[in-house]
Amino acid sequence: MDYWVYILASKPGGTRYIGVTRDLVRRVHEHREGLVAGFARRYGVKMLVYYEHYDTPIEAIQREKNLKHWPREWKIDLIVSMNPDWRDLYDEIVR
């Protein structure tokens, strides 16, 4: 099975949302279209700026919990390590 931890942002350096899912393309699409009620829709957090793959749900859920407790700067550094220009990576995952 595939499990994904992902980070969405409202803009480069802006508000971020961290989530976990089994279907990254579907879940990001739901966020982009405003189909998911809650934090991401309320704050316009739609750009996929970071993601990681895991083989088990336990690993993915633990990583999500850890990232949510990281200081803001650590999260920004993590995003920049994969995506220095804060590009929206959605097109990359739907290919």
C-alpha atoms as a PDB file:
ATOM      1  CA  MET A   1       0.000   0.000   0.000  1.00  0.00           C
ATOM      2  CA  ASP A   2       0.983   3.619  -0.494  1.00  0.00           C
ATOM      3  CA  TYR A   3       0.591   6.242   2.190  1.00  0.00           C
ATOM      4  CA  TRP A   4       1.526   9.875   1.868  1.00  0.00           C
ATOM      5  CA  VAL A   5       2.314  12.747   4.198  1.00  0.00           C
ATOM      6  CA  TYR A   6       1.847  16.055   2.445  1.00  0.00           C
ATOM      7  CA  ILE A   7       2.121  19.775   3.085  1.00  0.00           C
ATOM      8  CA  LEU A   8      -0.103  22.339   1.415  1.00  0.00           C
ATOM      9  CA  ALA A   9       0.518  26.086   1.528  1.00  0.00           C
ATOM     10  CA  SER A  10      -1.552  29.186   0.796  1.00  0.00           C
ATOM     11  CA  LYS A  11       1.477  30.850  -0.846  1.00  0.00           C
ATOM     12  CA  PRO A  12       5.271  30.640  -0.552  1.00  0.00           C
ATOM     13  CA  GLY A  13       6.055  30.957   3.147  1.00  0.00           C
ATOM     14  CA  GLY A  14       2.332  31.263   3.927  1.00  0.00           C
ATOM     15  CA  THR A  15      -0.113  29.256   5.976  1.00  0.00           C
ATOM     16  CA  ARG A  16       0.554  25.516   5.857  1.00  0.00           C
ATOM     17  CA  TYR A  17      -1.534  22.384   6.308  1.00  0.00           C
ATOM     18  CA  ILE A  18      -0.040  18.949   7.012  1.00  0.00           C
ATOM     19  CA  GLY A  19      -2.042  15.834   6.213  1.00  0.00           C
ATOM     20  CA  VAL A  20      -1.817  12.093   5.594  1.00  0.00           C
ATOM     21  CA  THR A  21      -3.643  10.072   2.941  1.00  0.00           C
ATOM     22  CA  ARG A  22      -3.664   6.834   0.948  1.00  0.00           C
ATOM     23  CA  ASP A  23      -4.503   8.641  -2.307  1.00  0.00           C
ATOM     24  CA  LEU A  24      -2.391  11.772  -2.719  1.00  0.00           C
ATOM     25  CA  VAL A  25      -3.822  12.863  -6.075  1.00  0.00           C
ATOM     26  CA  ARG A  26      -7.439  12.545  -4.923  1.00  0.00           C
ATOM     27  CA  ARG A  27      -6.831  14.249  -1.593  1.00  0.00           C
ATOM     28  CA  VAL A  28      -4.932  17.206  -3.032  1.00  0.00           C
ATOM     29  CA  HIS A  29      -7.623  17.589  -5.714  1.00  0.00           C
ATOM     30  CA  GLU A  30     -10.258  17.742  -2.959  1.00  0.00           C
ATOM     31  CA  HIS A  31      -8.315  20.495  -1.202  1.00  0.00           C
ATOM     32  CA  ARG A  32      -7.772  22.448  -4.430  1.00  0.00           C
ATOM     33  CA  GLU A  33     -11.474  22.354  -5.292  1.00  0.00           C
ATOM     34  CA  GLY A  34     -12.568  23.279  -1.761  1.00  0.00           C
ATOM     35  CA  LEU A  35     -14.353  19.951  -1.262  1.00  0.00           C
ATOM     36  CA  VAL A  36     -12.799  19.401   2.177  1.00  0.00           C
ATOM     37  CA  ALA A  37     -14.373  21.480   4.939  1.00  0.00           C
ATOM     38  CA  GLY A  38     -12.069  22.760   7.651  1.00  0.00           C
ATOM     39  CA  PHE A  39      -8.730  24.479   8.074  1.00  0.00           C
ATOM     40  CA  ALA A  40      -7.386  24.140   4.509  1.00  0.00           C
ATOM     41  CA  ARG A  41     -10.538  25.514   2.884  1.00  0.00           C
ATOM     42  CA  ARG A  42     -10.990  28.256   5.481  1.00  0.00           C
ATOM     43  CA  TYR A  43      -7.449  29.585   4.944  1.00  0.00           C
ATOM     44  CA  GLY A  44      -7.129  28.956   1.191  1.00  0.00           C
ATOM     45  CA  VAL A  45      -4.387  26.363   1.604  1.00  0.00           C
ATOM     46  CA  LYS A  46      -4.336  24.685  -1.834  1.00  0.00           C
ATOM     47  CA  MET A  47      -0.754  24.466  -3.158  1.00  0.00           C
ATOM     48  CA  LEU A  48       0.983  21.107  -2.755  1.00  0.00           C
ATOM     49  CA  VAL A  49       4.509  22.096  -1.741  1.00  0.00           C
ATOM     50  CA  TYR A  50       5.868  18.888  -0.169  1.00  0.00           C
ATOM     51  CA  TYR A  51       5.115  15.163   0.073  1.00  0.00           C
ATOM     52  CA  GLU A  52       6.684  11.943   1.358  1.00  0.00           C
ATOM     53  CA  HIS A  53       5.831   8.305   0.624  1.00  0.00           C
ATOM     54  CA  TYR A  54       5.417   5.574   3.269  1.00  0.00           C
ATOM     55  CA  ASP A  55       4.646   1.875   3.041  1.00  0.00           C
ATOM     56  CA  THR A  56       2.563   1.601   6.221  1.00  0.00           C
ATOM     57  CA  PRO A  57      -0.121   3.763   7.782  1.00  0.00           C
ATOM     58  CA  ILE A  58       1.635   3.670  11.144  1.00  0.00           C
ATOM     59  CA  GLU A  59       4.784   5.259   9.697  1.00  0.00           C
ATOM     60  CA  ALA A  60       2.821   7.917   7.809  1.00  0.00           C
ATOM     61  CA  ILE A  61       0.609   8.852  10.756  1.00  0.00           C
ATOM     62  CA  GLN A  62       3.582   9.082  13.116  1.00  0.00           C
ATOM     63  CA  ARG A  63       5.471  11.296  10.656  1.00  0.00           C
ATOM     64  CA  GLU A  64       2.430  13.578  10.265  1.00  0.00           C
ATOM     65  CA  LYS A  65       2.150  13.923  14.048  1.00  0.00           C
ATOM     66  CA  ASN A  66       5.869  14.666  14.362  1.00  0.00           C
ATOM     67  CA  LEU A  67       5.797  17.312  11.624  1.00  0.00           C
ATOM     68  CA  LYS A  68       2.802  19.031  13.188  1.00  0.00           C
ATOM     69  CA  HIS A  69       4.851  19.548  16.356  1.00  0.00           C
ATOM     70  CA  TRP A  70       7.934  20.915  14.578  1.00  0.00           C
ATOM     71  CA  PRO A  71       8.736  24.627  14.837  1.00  0.00           C
ATOM     72  CA  ARG A  72       7.647  26.732  11.844  1.00  0.00           C
ATOM     73  CA  GLU A  73      11.239  27.230  10.619  1.00  0.00           C
ATOM     74  CA  TRP A  74      11.934  23.479  10.535  1.00  0.00           C
ATOM     75  CA  LYS A  75       8.832  22.946   8.387  1.00  0.00           C
ATOM     76  CA  ILE A  76       9.921  25.712   6.016  1.00  0.00           C
ATOM     77  CA  ASP A  77      13.415  24.196   5.800  1.00  0.00           C
ATOM     78  CA  LEU A  78      11.877  20.792   4.994  1.00  0.00           C
ATOM     79  CA  ILE A  79       9.756  22.256   2.195  1.00  0.00           C
ATOM     80  CA  VAL A  80      12.706  24.208   0.761  1.00  0.00           C
ATOM     81  CA  SER A  81      14.882  21.056   0.797  1.00  0.00           C
ATOM     82  CA  MET A  82      12.523  19.447  -1.752  1.00  0.00           C
ATOM     83  CA  ASN A  83      10.953  22.491  -3.352  1.00  0.00           C
ATOM     84  CA  PRO A  84      13.147  25.615  -3.044  1.00  0.00           C
ATOM     85  CA  ASP A  85      10.866  27.707  -5.290  1.00  0.00           C
ATOM     86  CA  TRP A  86       7.658  26.683  -3.487  1.00  0.00           C
ATOM     87  CA  ARG A  87       6.188  25.462  -6.791  1.00  0.00           C
ATOM     88  CA  ASP A  88       2.768  23.820  -6.729  1.00  0.00           C
ATOM     89  CA  LEU A  89       3.684  20.142  -7.194  1.00  0.00           C
ATOM     90  CA  TYR A  90       0.171  19.007  -8.134  1.00  0.00           C
ATOM     91  CA  ASP A  91       0.961  18.695 -11.861  1.00  0.00           C
ATOM     92  CA  GLU A  92       3.975  16.563 -10.932  1.00  0.00           C
ATOM     93  CA  ILE A  93       1.865  13.997  -9.060  1.00  0.00           C
ATOM     94  CA  VAL A  94      -0.931  13.704 -11.637  1.00  0.00           C
ATOM     95  CA  ARG A  95       1.397  12.698 -14.504  1.00  0.00           C
END
